[in-house]
N, C-alpha and C. Protein backbone atom coordinates (compact mmCIF):
# COMPACT_ATOMS: atom_id res chain seq x y z
N MET A 1 89.81 121.50 106.06
CA MET A 1 91.02 121.76 105.29
C MET A 1 92.08 122.46 106.14
N LYS A 2 91.65 123.41 106.95
CA LYS A 2 92.58 124.14 107.80
C LYS A 2 93.28 123.20 108.77
N ILE A 3 92.52 122.28 109.36
CA ILE A 3 93.11 121.33 110.31
C ILE A 3 94.14 120.45 109.61
N GLY A 4 93.83 120.02 108.40
CA GLY A 4 94.77 119.21 107.64
C GLY A 4 96.06 119.96 107.37
N PHE A 5 95.94 121.23 107.00
CA PHE A 5 97.12 122.04 106.71
C PHE A 5 97.99 122.19 107.96
N LEU A 6 97.37 122.58 109.07
CA LEU A 6 98.14 122.83 110.30
C LEU A 6 98.74 121.54 110.85
N THR A 7 98.02 120.44 110.75
CA THR A 7 98.53 119.16 111.24
C THR A 7 99.76 118.72 110.45
N CYS A 8 99.76 119.04 109.16
CA CYS A 8 100.82 118.56 108.27
C CYS A 8 102.05 119.45 108.26
N VAL A 9 101.96 120.65 108.79
CA VAL A 9 103.10 121.58 108.72
C VAL A 9 104.39 120.98 109.29
N PRO A 10 104.38 120.35 110.48
CA PRO A 10 105.64 119.77 110.98
C PRO A 10 106.23 118.73 110.04
N VAL A 11 105.37 117.91 109.43
CA VAL A 11 105.84 116.92 108.46
C VAL A 11 106.35 117.61 107.21
N ALA A 12 105.64 118.65 106.78
CA ALA A 12 106.04 119.38 105.57
C ALA A 12 107.41 120.04 105.74
N ILE A 13 107.73 120.45 106.95
CA ILE A 13 109.05 121.03 107.21
C ILE A 13 110.13 119.97 106.96
N GLY A 14 109.85 118.73 107.38
CA GLY A 14 110.79 117.63 107.10
C GLY A 14 110.90 117.38 105.60
N VAL A 15 109.78 117.41 104.91
CA VAL A 15 109.77 117.22 103.46
C VAL A 15 110.60 118.32 102.78
N ALA A 16 110.59 119.51 103.36
CA ALA A 16 111.35 120.63 102.78
C ALA A 16 112.84 120.31 102.70
N GLY A 17 113.35 119.58 103.69
CA GLY A 17 114.76 119.18 103.63
C GLY A 17 115.04 118.33 102.41
N TYR A 18 114.11 117.44 102.11
CA TYR A 18 114.22 116.60 100.93
C TYR A 18 114.07 117.45 99.66
N GLY A 19 113.21 118.47 99.73
CA GLY A 19 113.04 119.37 98.59
C GLY A 19 114.30 120.15 98.28
N ILE A 20 115.02 120.56 99.32
CA ILE A 20 116.28 121.26 99.11
C ILE A 20 117.27 120.35 98.39
N ALA A 21 117.31 119.08 98.83
CA ALA A 21 118.20 118.10 98.18
C ALA A 21 117.84 117.94 96.71
N PHE A 22 116.53 117.88 96.43
CA PHE A 22 116.11 117.77 95.03
C PHE A 22 116.52 118.99 94.24
N GLY A 23 116.31 120.19 94.80
CA GLY A 23 116.69 121.41 94.11
C GLY A 23 118.17 121.45 93.77
N VAL A 24 118.99 121.00 94.73
CA VAL A 24 120.45 120.98 94.50
C VAL A 24 120.79 120.03 93.36
N ILE A 25 120.21 118.83 93.39
CA ILE A 25 120.51 117.82 92.37
C ILE A 25 119.98 118.26 91.01
N ALA A 26 118.80 118.89 90.99
CA ALA A 26 118.25 119.39 89.73
C ALA A 26 119.16 120.46 89.14
N ASN A 27 119.68 121.33 89.99
CA ASN A 27 120.60 122.37 89.54
C ASN A 27 121.87 121.76 88.95
N GLN A 28 122.38 120.73 89.61
CA GLN A 28 123.59 120.07 89.13
C GLN A 28 123.35 119.30 87.84
N ALA A 29 122.08 118.90 87.61
CA ALA A 29 121.74 118.18 86.37
C ALA A 29 121.53 119.13 85.21
N GLY A 30 121.53 120.43 85.48
CA GLY A 30 121.41 121.41 84.41
C GLY A 30 120.07 122.10 84.31
N LEU A 31 119.15 121.80 85.23
CA LEU A 31 117.84 122.47 85.20
C LEU A 31 117.97 123.87 85.79
N SER A 32 117.23 124.80 85.23
CA SER A 32 117.20 126.14 85.79
C SER A 32 116.33 126.14 87.04
N VAL A 33 116.37 127.23 87.78
CA VAL A 33 115.52 127.35 88.97
C VAL A 33 114.05 127.25 88.58
N ALA A 34 113.68 127.92 87.49
CA ALA A 34 112.28 127.90 87.04
C ALA A 34 111.86 126.49 86.63
N GLU A 35 112.73 125.78 85.94
CA GLU A 35 112.40 124.41 85.49
C GLU A 35 112.24 123.47 86.68
N ALA A 36 113.14 123.59 87.65
CA ALA A 36 113.04 122.74 88.84
C ALA A 36 111.76 123.03 89.62
N ALA A 37 111.44 124.33 89.76
CA ALA A 37 110.23 124.73 90.47
C ALA A 37 108.98 124.25 89.74
N LEU A 38 108.98 124.35 88.42
CA LEU A 38 107.83 123.90 87.64
C LEU A 38 107.63 122.39 87.78
N MET A 39 108.72 121.64 87.78
CA MET A 39 108.60 120.19 87.97
C MET A 39 108.00 119.87 89.32
N SER A 40 108.48 120.52 90.36
CA SER A 40 107.95 120.26 91.71
C SER A 40 106.50 120.67 91.84
N ALA A 41 106.12 121.76 91.17
CA ALA A 41 104.74 122.27 91.28
C ALA A 41 103.74 121.39 90.54
N THR A 42 104.18 120.73 89.48
CA THR A 42 103.25 119.96 88.65
C THR A 42 103.33 118.46 88.87
N VAL A 43 104.47 117.96 89.32
CA VAL A 43 104.63 116.52 89.55
C VAL A 43 104.34 116.14 90.99
N VAL A 44 104.88 116.91 91.93
CA VAL A 44 104.65 116.71 93.37
C VAL A 44 104.93 115.26 93.78
N ALA A 45 106.09 114.75 93.40
CA ALA A 45 106.46 113.38 93.73
C ALA A 45 107.97 113.30 93.83
N GLY A 46 108.47 113.36 95.06
CA GLY A 46 109.90 113.47 95.27
C GLY A 46 110.73 112.35 94.67
N ALA A 47 110.32 111.10 94.91
CA ALA A 47 111.12 109.96 94.44
C ALA A 47 111.23 109.95 92.92
N SER A 48 110.10 110.12 92.24
CA SER A 48 110.14 110.08 90.78
C SER A 48 110.87 111.28 90.20
N GLN A 49 110.78 112.43 90.85
CA GLN A 49 111.51 113.60 90.38
C GLN A 49 113.02 113.39 90.50
N LEU A 50 113.45 112.80 91.59
CA LEU A 50 114.87 112.53 91.75
C LEU A 50 115.36 111.54 90.71
N ILE A 51 114.54 110.52 90.43
CA ILE A 51 114.89 109.55 89.41
C ILE A 51 115.04 110.24 88.05
N ALA A 52 114.10 111.13 87.75
CA ALA A 52 114.12 111.83 86.47
C ALA A 52 115.39 112.65 86.29
N VAL A 53 115.77 113.41 87.33
CA VAL A 53 116.95 114.26 87.17
C VAL A 53 118.24 113.44 87.21
N GLU A 54 118.22 112.29 87.92
CA GLU A 54 119.40 111.44 87.93
C GLU A 54 119.63 110.79 86.58
N LEU A 55 118.53 110.57 85.82
CA LEU A 55 118.65 109.98 84.48
C LEU A 55 118.78 111.04 83.40
N TRP A 56 118.74 112.30 83.80
CA TRP A 56 118.75 113.41 82.84
C TRP A 56 120.04 113.39 82.02
N ALA A 57 119.89 113.46 80.72
CA ALA A 57 121.05 113.46 79.83
C ALA A 57 120.64 114.11 78.52
N ASP A 58 121.58 114.21 77.61
CA ASP A 58 121.30 114.78 76.29
C ASP A 58 121.72 113.76 75.22
N PRO A 59 120.78 113.13 74.53
CA PRO A 59 119.33 113.37 74.58
C PRO A 59 118.69 112.74 75.81
N ILE A 60 117.53 113.27 76.20
CA ILE A 60 116.83 112.78 77.38
C ILE A 60 116.29 111.38 77.12
N PRO A 61 116.61 110.39 77.99
CA PRO A 61 116.12 109.02 77.81
C PRO A 61 114.66 108.91 78.26
N ILE A 62 113.76 109.38 77.41
CA ILE A 62 112.35 109.48 77.79
C ILE A 62 111.78 108.13 78.20
N GLY A 63 112.08 107.08 77.43
CA GLY A 63 111.55 105.76 77.74
C GLY A 63 111.98 105.27 79.11
N ALA A 64 113.25 105.41 79.44
CA ALA A 64 113.76 104.96 80.73
C ALA A 64 113.14 105.74 81.88
N ILE A 65 112.99 107.05 81.70
CA ILE A 65 112.40 107.89 82.75
C ILE A 65 110.94 107.52 82.98
N VAL A 66 110.17 107.39 81.88
CA VAL A 66 108.75 107.05 82.01
C VAL A 66 108.57 105.69 82.66
N PHE A 67 109.32 104.70 82.22
CA PHE A 67 109.19 103.34 82.74
C PHE A 67 109.53 103.28 84.23
N THR A 68 110.63 103.93 84.61
CA THR A 68 111.07 103.87 86.01
C THR A 68 110.13 104.63 86.93
N THR A 69 109.70 105.81 86.51
CA THR A 69 108.79 106.58 87.37
C THR A 69 107.42 105.92 87.46
N LEU A 70 107.01 105.22 86.40
CA LEU A 70 105.75 104.47 86.46
C LEU A 70 105.82 103.40 87.54
N ALA A 71 106.94 102.69 87.59
CA ALA A 71 107.10 101.65 88.60
C ALA A 71 107.03 102.22 90.01
N VAL A 72 107.62 103.41 90.18
CA VAL A 72 107.64 104.03 91.51
C VAL A 72 106.25 104.55 91.89
N ASN A 73 105.55 105.16 90.94
CA ASN A 73 104.30 105.85 91.26
C ASN A 73 103.04 104.99 91.22
N LEU A 74 103.16 103.76 90.77
CA LEU A 74 101.99 102.88 90.76
C LEU A 74 101.43 102.65 92.16
N ARG A 75 102.26 102.86 93.17
CA ARG A 75 101.79 102.69 94.56
C ARG A 75 100.66 103.65 94.88
N TYR A 76 100.59 104.78 94.17
CA TYR A 76 99.54 105.75 94.44
C TYR A 76 98.15 105.21 94.09
N SER A 77 98.09 104.25 93.18
CA SER A 77 96.79 103.64 92.87
C SER A 77 96.26 102.87 94.07
N LEU A 78 97.16 102.21 94.80
CA LEU A 78 96.75 101.50 96.01
C LEU A 78 96.38 102.48 97.12
N MET A 79 97.16 103.53 97.24
CA MET A 79 96.90 104.52 98.28
C MET A 79 95.57 105.23 98.05
N GLY A 80 95.29 105.57 96.79
CA GLY A 80 94.03 106.21 96.48
C GLY A 80 92.84 105.29 96.74
N ALA A 81 93.02 104.00 96.42
CA ALA A 81 91.95 103.03 96.66
C ALA A 81 91.64 102.91 98.15
N ALA A 82 92.66 103.05 98.99
CA ALA A 82 92.44 102.96 100.44
C ALA A 82 91.58 104.11 100.95
N LEU A 83 91.56 105.22 100.24
CA LEU A 83 90.79 106.39 100.67
C LEU A 83 89.36 106.39 100.11
N GLU A 84 89.08 105.50 99.18
CA GLU A 84 87.79 105.51 98.49
C GLU A 84 86.57 105.47 99.42
N PRO A 85 86.57 104.66 100.49
CA PRO A 85 85.38 104.64 101.36
C PRO A 85 85.03 106.00 101.96
N TRP A 86 86.03 106.83 102.22
CA TRP A 86 85.78 108.13 102.83
C TRP A 86 85.45 109.20 101.78
N PHE A 87 85.85 108.97 100.55
CA PHE A 87 85.63 109.96 99.50
C PHE A 87 84.38 109.68 98.68
N SER A 88 83.65 108.64 99.01
CA SER A 88 82.51 108.25 98.19
C SER A 88 81.41 109.32 98.15
N HIS A 89 81.38 110.19 99.17
CA HIS A 89 80.33 111.21 99.22
C HIS A 89 80.79 112.54 98.62
N LEU A 90 82.03 112.59 98.10
CA LEU A 90 82.54 113.83 97.51
C LEU A 90 82.35 113.82 96.00
N SER A 91 82.34 114.98 95.41
CA SER A 91 82.21 115.10 93.96
C SER A 91 83.54 114.71 93.30
N PRO A 92 83.49 114.30 92.03
CA PRO A 92 84.73 113.96 91.31
C PRO A 92 85.74 115.10 91.34
N LYS A 93 85.29 116.33 91.22
CA LYS A 93 86.19 117.49 91.26
C LYS A 93 86.91 117.57 92.59
N GLN A 94 86.18 117.36 93.68
CA GLN A 94 86.80 117.40 95.01
C GLN A 94 87.78 116.26 95.21
N VAL A 95 87.41 115.07 94.74
CA VAL A 95 88.26 113.90 94.91
C VAL A 95 89.56 114.05 94.13
N TYR A 96 89.47 114.34 92.84
CA TYR A 96 90.67 114.41 92.01
C TYR A 96 91.53 115.62 92.33
N GLY A 97 90.88 116.69 92.78
CA GLY A 97 91.65 117.84 93.22
C GLY A 97 92.49 117.53 94.44
N SER A 98 91.92 116.73 95.34
CA SER A 98 92.65 116.32 96.55
C SER A 98 93.75 115.31 96.21
N LEU A 99 93.43 114.36 95.31
CA LEU A 99 94.39 113.31 94.97
C LEU A 99 95.60 113.86 94.25
N PHE A 100 95.43 114.97 93.53
CA PHE A 100 96.58 115.57 92.87
C PHE A 100 97.65 115.97 93.87
N LEU A 101 97.23 116.36 95.07
CA LEU A 101 98.16 116.81 96.11
C LEU A 101 98.51 115.70 97.10
N MET A 102 98.14 114.47 96.77
CA MET A 102 98.43 113.36 97.69
C MET A 102 99.89 112.94 97.57
N ALA A 103 100.55 112.89 98.71
CA ALA A 103 101.91 112.37 98.81
C ALA A 103 101.91 111.31 99.90
N ASP A 104 103.00 110.58 100.02
CA ASP A 104 103.05 109.52 101.03
C ASP A 104 102.78 110.06 102.43
N GLU A 105 103.36 111.22 102.71
CA GLU A 105 103.28 111.75 104.07
C GLU A 105 101.87 112.18 104.44
N ASN A 106 101.23 112.98 103.58
CA ASN A 106 99.90 113.45 103.96
C ASN A 106 98.84 112.36 103.78
N TRP A 107 99.12 111.37 102.94
CA TRP A 107 98.23 110.21 102.85
C TRP A 107 98.19 109.49 104.20
N ALA A 108 99.35 109.27 104.78
CA ALA A 108 99.42 108.57 106.08
C ALA A 108 98.70 109.37 107.16
N LEU A 109 98.90 110.68 107.16
CA LEU A 109 98.21 111.52 108.14
C LEU A 109 96.71 111.50 107.93
N THR A 110 96.28 111.48 106.67
CA THR A 110 94.84 111.45 106.36
C THR A 110 94.21 110.15 106.82
N ILE A 111 94.88 109.03 106.55
CA ILE A 111 94.37 107.73 107.00
C ILE A 111 94.22 107.72 108.52
N ARG A 112 95.20 108.25 109.21
CA ARG A 112 95.14 108.29 110.67
C ARG A 112 93.97 109.14 111.14
N ASP A 113 93.75 110.28 110.49
CA ASP A 113 92.67 111.18 110.88
C ASP A 113 91.30 110.56 110.60
N LEU A 114 91.14 109.96 109.43
CA LEU A 114 89.85 109.38 109.06
C LEU A 114 89.50 108.17 109.91
N ARG A 115 90.50 107.45 110.39
CA ARG A 115 90.24 106.30 111.25
C ARG A 115 89.65 106.70 112.60
N THR A 116 89.84 107.96 112.96
CA THR A 116 89.26 108.44 114.22
C THR A 116 87.77 108.70 114.09
N GLY A 117 87.25 108.63 112.85
CA GLY A 117 85.84 108.91 112.62
C GLY A 117 85.54 110.38 112.43
N SER A 118 86.57 111.18 112.17
CA SER A 118 86.38 112.62 112.03
C SER A 118 85.52 112.97 110.80
N GLY A 119 85.65 112.17 109.75
CA GLY A 119 84.89 112.44 108.53
C GLY A 119 85.36 113.66 107.78
N ARG A 120 86.57 114.13 108.05
CA ARG A 120 87.08 115.33 107.39
C ARG A 120 87.62 114.98 106.01
N GLY A 121 86.73 114.98 105.02
CA GLY A 121 87.15 114.64 103.67
C GLY A 121 88.14 115.62 103.08
N ALA A 122 88.16 116.86 103.58
CA ALA A 122 89.07 117.88 103.06
C ALA A 122 90.44 117.84 103.75
N PHE A 123 90.63 116.88 104.66
CA PHE A 123 91.91 116.79 105.37
C PHE A 123 93.05 116.55 104.38
N LEU A 124 92.82 115.66 103.41
CA LEU A 124 93.86 115.36 102.42
C LEU A 124 94.23 116.60 101.61
N LEU A 125 93.23 117.40 101.25
CA LEU A 125 93.49 118.61 100.48
C LEU A 125 94.30 119.61 101.29
N GLY A 126 93.89 119.85 102.53
CA GLY A 126 94.61 120.81 103.36
C GLY A 126 96.04 120.39 103.63
N SER A 127 96.22 119.11 103.97
CA SER A 127 97.58 118.62 104.23
C SER A 127 98.40 118.60 102.95
N GLY A 128 97.73 118.34 101.82
CA GLY A 128 98.44 118.35 100.54
C GLY A 128 98.92 119.74 100.16
N ILE A 129 98.13 120.75 100.48
CA ILE A 129 98.55 122.12 100.21
C ILE A 129 99.81 122.46 101.02
N ALA A 130 99.86 121.98 102.26
CA ALA A 130 101.05 122.21 103.09
C ALA A 130 102.28 121.54 102.46
N ILE A 131 102.12 120.27 102.05
CA ILE A 131 103.22 119.55 101.42
C ILE A 131 103.67 120.27 100.16
N TRP A 132 102.70 120.64 99.31
CA TRP A 132 103.00 121.28 98.02
C TRP A 132 103.74 122.59 98.24
N THR A 133 103.29 123.40 99.18
CA THR A 133 103.91 124.71 99.42
C THR A 133 105.35 124.57 99.86
N PHE A 134 105.59 123.74 100.86
CA PHE A 134 106.95 123.56 101.37
C PHE A 134 107.84 122.88 100.34
N TRP A 135 107.27 121.98 99.56
CA TRP A 135 108.05 121.25 98.55
C TRP A 135 108.53 122.20 97.44
N VAL A 136 107.65 123.05 96.96
CA VAL A 136 108.01 123.97 95.88
C VAL A 136 109.00 125.02 96.37
N VAL A 137 108.71 125.61 97.53
CA VAL A 137 109.60 126.64 98.06
C VAL A 137 110.99 126.08 98.34
N SER A 138 111.06 124.89 98.93
CA SER A 138 112.36 124.31 99.26
C SER A 138 113.11 123.91 97.98
N THR A 139 112.38 123.52 96.93
CA THR A 139 113.03 123.21 95.66
C THR A 139 113.72 124.46 95.12
N VAL A 140 113.05 125.59 95.18
CA VAL A 140 113.63 126.85 94.71
C VAL A 140 114.88 127.19 95.52
N LEU A 141 114.79 127.04 96.84
CA LEU A 141 115.94 127.34 97.70
C LEU A 141 117.12 126.43 97.38
N GLY A 142 116.82 125.14 97.17
CA GLY A 142 117.89 124.21 96.84
C GLY A 142 118.52 124.50 95.50
N ALA A 143 117.69 124.85 94.52
CA ALA A 143 118.21 125.16 93.19
C ALA A 143 119.07 126.43 93.21
N LEU A 144 118.64 127.41 94.00
CA LEU A 144 119.41 128.66 94.11
C LEU A 144 120.74 128.44 94.82
N ALA A 145 120.73 127.53 95.80
CA ALA A 145 121.94 127.30 96.60
C ALA A 145 122.76 126.12 96.10
N GLY A 146 122.38 125.57 94.93
CA GLY A 146 123.03 124.36 94.43
C GLY A 146 124.54 124.45 94.35
N GLY A 147 125.04 125.56 93.86
CA GLY A 147 126.48 125.70 93.73
C GLY A 147 127.20 125.85 95.05
N VAL A 148 126.48 126.29 96.07
CA VAL A 148 127.10 126.52 97.39
C VAL A 148 127.07 125.25 98.23
N ILE A 149 125.94 124.53 98.21
CA ILE A 149 125.77 123.35 99.05
C ILE A 149 126.62 122.18 98.56
N GLY A 150 126.69 122.00 97.25
CA GLY A 150 127.45 120.86 96.72
C GLY A 150 126.67 119.57 96.90
N ASP A 151 127.31 118.58 97.50
CA ASP A 151 126.66 117.28 97.71
C ASP A 151 125.75 117.37 98.92
N PRO A 152 124.41 117.27 98.74
CA PRO A 152 123.48 117.42 99.87
C PRO A 152 123.57 116.29 100.89
N THR A 153 124.13 115.15 100.50
CA THR A 153 124.23 114.02 101.45
C THR A 153 125.22 114.33 102.58
N ARG A 154 126.12 115.28 102.34
CA ARG A 154 127.08 115.65 103.40
C ARG A 154 126.38 116.23 104.62
N TYR A 155 125.18 116.79 104.41
CA TYR A 155 124.44 117.43 105.49
C TYR A 155 123.28 116.56 105.99
N GLY A 156 123.20 115.36 105.48
CA GLY A 156 122.17 114.43 105.94
C GLY A 156 120.80 114.66 105.34
N PHE A 157 120.72 115.45 104.26
CA PHE A 157 119.42 115.71 103.63
C PHE A 157 118.79 114.43 103.09
N ASP A 158 119.64 113.46 102.71
CA ASP A 158 119.12 112.22 102.15
C ASP A 158 118.42 111.37 103.20
N PHE A 159 118.71 111.63 104.49
CA PHE A 159 118.10 110.84 105.56
C PHE A 159 116.81 111.44 106.07
N ILE A 160 116.55 112.69 105.74
CA ILE A 160 115.38 113.38 106.28
C ILE A 160 114.10 112.65 105.94
N LEU A 161 113.94 112.26 104.67
CA LEU A 161 112.71 111.60 104.26
C LEU A 161 112.56 110.24 104.95
N VAL A 162 113.66 109.54 105.13
CA VAL A 162 113.62 108.26 105.84
C VAL A 162 113.10 108.46 107.26
N ALA A 163 113.59 109.49 107.93
CA ALA A 163 113.16 109.77 109.30
C ALA A 163 111.68 110.12 109.34
N VAL A 164 111.21 110.88 108.35
CA VAL A 164 109.79 111.23 108.29
C VAL A 164 108.94 109.98 108.13
N PHE A 165 109.35 109.08 107.23
CA PHE A 165 108.59 107.86 107.00
C PHE A 165 108.55 106.96 108.24
N VAL A 166 109.66 106.87 108.95
CA VAL A 166 109.69 106.06 110.17
C VAL A 166 108.69 106.59 111.18
N ALA A 167 108.63 107.91 111.32
CA ALA A 167 107.68 108.52 112.25
C ALA A 167 106.25 108.25 111.82
N LEU A 168 105.98 108.31 110.52
CA LEU A 168 104.62 108.07 110.03
C LEU A 168 104.21 106.61 110.21
N VAL A 169 105.14 105.71 109.97
CA VAL A 169 104.85 104.29 110.14
C VAL A 169 104.52 103.98 111.60
N ALA A 170 105.26 104.60 112.51
CA ALA A 170 104.99 104.40 113.93
C ALA A 170 103.58 104.85 114.29
N GLU A 171 103.13 105.93 113.65
CA GLU A 171 101.78 106.44 113.92
C GLU A 171 100.70 105.49 113.40
N LEU A 172 101.02 104.73 112.33
CA LEU A 172 100.03 103.83 111.73
C LEU A 172 100.00 102.46 112.39
N TRP A 173 100.89 102.22 113.34
CA TRP A 173 100.91 100.92 114.03
C TRP A 173 99.59 100.73 114.78
N ASP A 174 98.94 99.60 114.52
CA ASP A 174 97.62 99.36 115.09
C ASP A 174 97.59 98.04 115.86
N GLY A 175 98.66 97.75 116.55
CA GLY A 175 98.72 96.53 117.35
C GLY A 175 99.25 95.34 116.55
N ARG A 176 99.14 94.16 117.14
CA ARG A 176 99.72 92.96 116.56
C ARG A 176 99.10 92.60 115.21
N SER A 177 97.87 93.01 114.97
CA SER A 177 97.23 92.70 113.68
C SER A 177 97.93 93.39 112.53
N THR A 178 98.68 94.44 112.82
CA THR A 178 99.41 95.17 111.78
C THR A 178 100.68 94.46 111.38
N LEU A 179 101.21 93.62 112.26
CA LEU A 179 102.53 93.05 112.06
C LEU A 179 102.61 92.16 110.81
N LEU A 180 101.62 91.28 110.63
CA LEU A 180 101.68 90.32 109.53
C LEU A 180 101.73 90.99 108.16
N PRO A 181 100.81 91.92 107.84
CA PRO A 181 100.91 92.57 106.52
C PRO A 181 102.20 93.35 106.33
N TRP A 182 102.72 93.93 107.40
CA TRP A 182 103.98 94.65 107.28
C TRP A 182 105.12 93.70 106.94
N VAL A 183 105.16 92.55 107.62
CA VAL A 183 106.21 91.56 107.38
C VAL A 183 106.11 91.01 105.96
N VAL A 184 104.87 90.72 105.53
CA VAL A 184 104.67 90.21 104.17
C VAL A 184 105.09 91.24 103.13
N SER A 185 104.73 92.49 103.37
CA SER A 185 105.10 93.55 102.44
C SER A 185 106.62 93.71 102.36
N LEU A 186 107.27 93.70 103.52
CA LEU A 186 108.73 93.85 103.56
C LEU A 186 109.42 92.67 102.87
N GLY A 187 108.97 91.45 103.19
CA GLY A 187 109.58 90.27 102.58
C GLY A 187 109.41 90.25 101.06
N THR A 188 108.22 90.60 100.61
CA THR A 188 107.96 90.64 99.16
C THR A 188 108.80 91.70 98.48
N ALA A 189 108.91 92.87 99.11
CA ALA A 189 109.71 93.95 98.53
C ALA A 189 111.18 93.56 98.43
N LEU A 190 111.71 92.93 99.47
CA LEU A 190 113.12 92.53 99.45
C LEU A 190 113.36 91.46 98.38
N LEU A 191 112.44 90.51 98.27
CA LEU A 191 112.58 89.45 97.27
C LEU A 191 112.50 90.04 95.86
N THR A 192 111.54 90.94 95.64
CA THR A 192 111.38 91.55 94.33
C THR A 192 112.60 92.39 93.96
N ALA A 193 113.14 93.10 94.93
CA ALA A 193 114.33 93.93 94.67
C ALA A 193 115.52 93.09 94.25
N SER A 194 115.59 91.86 94.78
CA SER A 194 116.71 90.98 94.43
C SER A 194 116.53 90.31 93.07
N LEU A 195 115.28 90.31 92.56
CA LEU A 195 115.00 89.61 91.30
C LEU A 195 114.78 90.56 90.12
N LEU A 196 114.23 91.75 90.38
CA LEU A 196 113.89 92.67 89.30
C LEU A 196 114.64 93.99 89.45
N PRO A 197 115.09 94.57 88.34
CA PRO A 197 115.72 95.89 88.41
C PRO A 197 114.68 96.98 88.59
N GLY A 198 115.14 98.17 88.93
CA GLY A 198 114.22 99.29 89.07
C GLY A 198 113.52 99.30 90.42
N ARG A 199 112.35 99.96 90.47
CA ARG A 199 111.65 100.17 91.73
C ARG A 199 110.34 99.36 91.82
N TRP A 200 110.26 98.25 91.11
CA TRP A 200 109.03 97.46 91.13
C TRP A 200 108.76 96.86 92.51
N TYR A 201 109.78 96.77 93.36
CA TYR A 201 109.59 96.20 94.69
C TYR A 201 108.61 97.02 95.52
N ILE A 202 108.48 98.31 95.23
CA ILE A 202 107.54 99.16 95.96
C ILE A 202 106.12 98.70 95.71
N LEU A 203 105.79 98.54 94.42
CA LEU A 203 104.45 98.09 94.06
C LEU A 203 104.19 96.66 94.53
N ALA A 204 105.18 95.78 94.36
CA ALA A 204 105.01 94.38 94.74
C ALA A 204 104.72 94.24 96.23
N GLY A 205 105.45 94.99 97.07
CA GLY A 205 105.21 94.94 98.51
C GLY A 205 103.82 95.41 98.87
N GLY A 206 103.36 96.49 98.22
CA GLY A 206 102.02 97.01 98.49
C GLY A 206 100.93 96.04 98.08
N ILE A 207 101.08 95.43 96.90
CA ILE A 207 100.07 94.49 96.40
C ILE A 207 100.01 93.25 97.30
N ALA A 208 101.17 92.76 97.73
CA ALA A 208 101.21 91.58 98.59
C ALA A 208 100.46 91.82 99.90
N ALA A 209 100.71 92.98 100.52
CA ALA A 209 100.04 93.29 101.79
C ALA A 209 98.55 93.49 101.58
N ALA A 210 98.18 94.17 100.48
CA ALA A 210 96.75 94.40 100.20
C ALA A 210 96.03 93.08 99.95
N THR A 211 96.67 92.18 99.20
CA THR A 211 96.07 90.87 98.91
C THR A 211 95.86 90.08 100.19
N LEU A 212 96.86 90.12 101.07
CA LEU A 212 96.74 89.42 102.34
C LEU A 212 95.57 89.93 103.16
N GLU A 213 95.39 91.24 103.20
CA GLU A 213 94.29 91.81 103.98
C GLU A 213 92.93 91.44 103.40
N VAL A 214 92.85 91.38 102.06
CA VAL A 214 91.61 90.96 101.43
C VAL A 214 91.26 89.52 101.81
N ILE A 215 92.27 88.65 101.78
CA ILE A 215 92.07 87.24 102.14
C ILE A 215 91.68 87.10 103.60
N ARG A 216 92.32 87.87 104.46
CA ARG A 216 92.06 87.75 105.90
C ARG A 216 90.65 88.18 106.29
N TYR A 217 90.11 89.16 105.59
CA TYR A 217 88.84 89.74 106.03
C TYR A 217 87.68 89.43 105.09
N GLU A 218 87.88 88.47 104.18
CA GLU A 218 86.76 88.06 103.33
C GLU A 218 85.71 87.31 104.14
């Protein structure tokens, strides 16, 4: 767990920039500092949290928020399934406790670590604690500074998460065999985005790549 935490700290610092942006936007949407912090502490999902506060209104459009965040977060079912072979020897309490703290960034780091044969089942938990800590603290800072910062895109906060993901993807590159599923996933996501509203392209791209890998290695 300690190794997971320390390994993830540099990535978590990048996530903190995104957390500040969320805190600012949550403050502008009318959430208090405590409400924004509580959302970050219990949801731990940047994209869906941003969607929720962007749709925030009076009355709150509960149906639209639930439907849209469901489309975004369904990818976690695929990500969790990818970890199943390494978690098969852990208790349900250990598995679900770790999965609660799973984010895109520490999932990618965990996959990379487990592929080395380390067998560190607690890596996801340790790295998740790092993500959670920086995410909550940065949300509070952003919410407190919301009135001062204004539009967070002026400072490039909106690009921070993109840069983090690019770095993580580069780490997961595994030679030419990786290229085909990536291309299929990208093509499917772009096609789905042009045909369907919302964020269903995320799930569609993941399912397409997963299906291809199943067919290739049957």
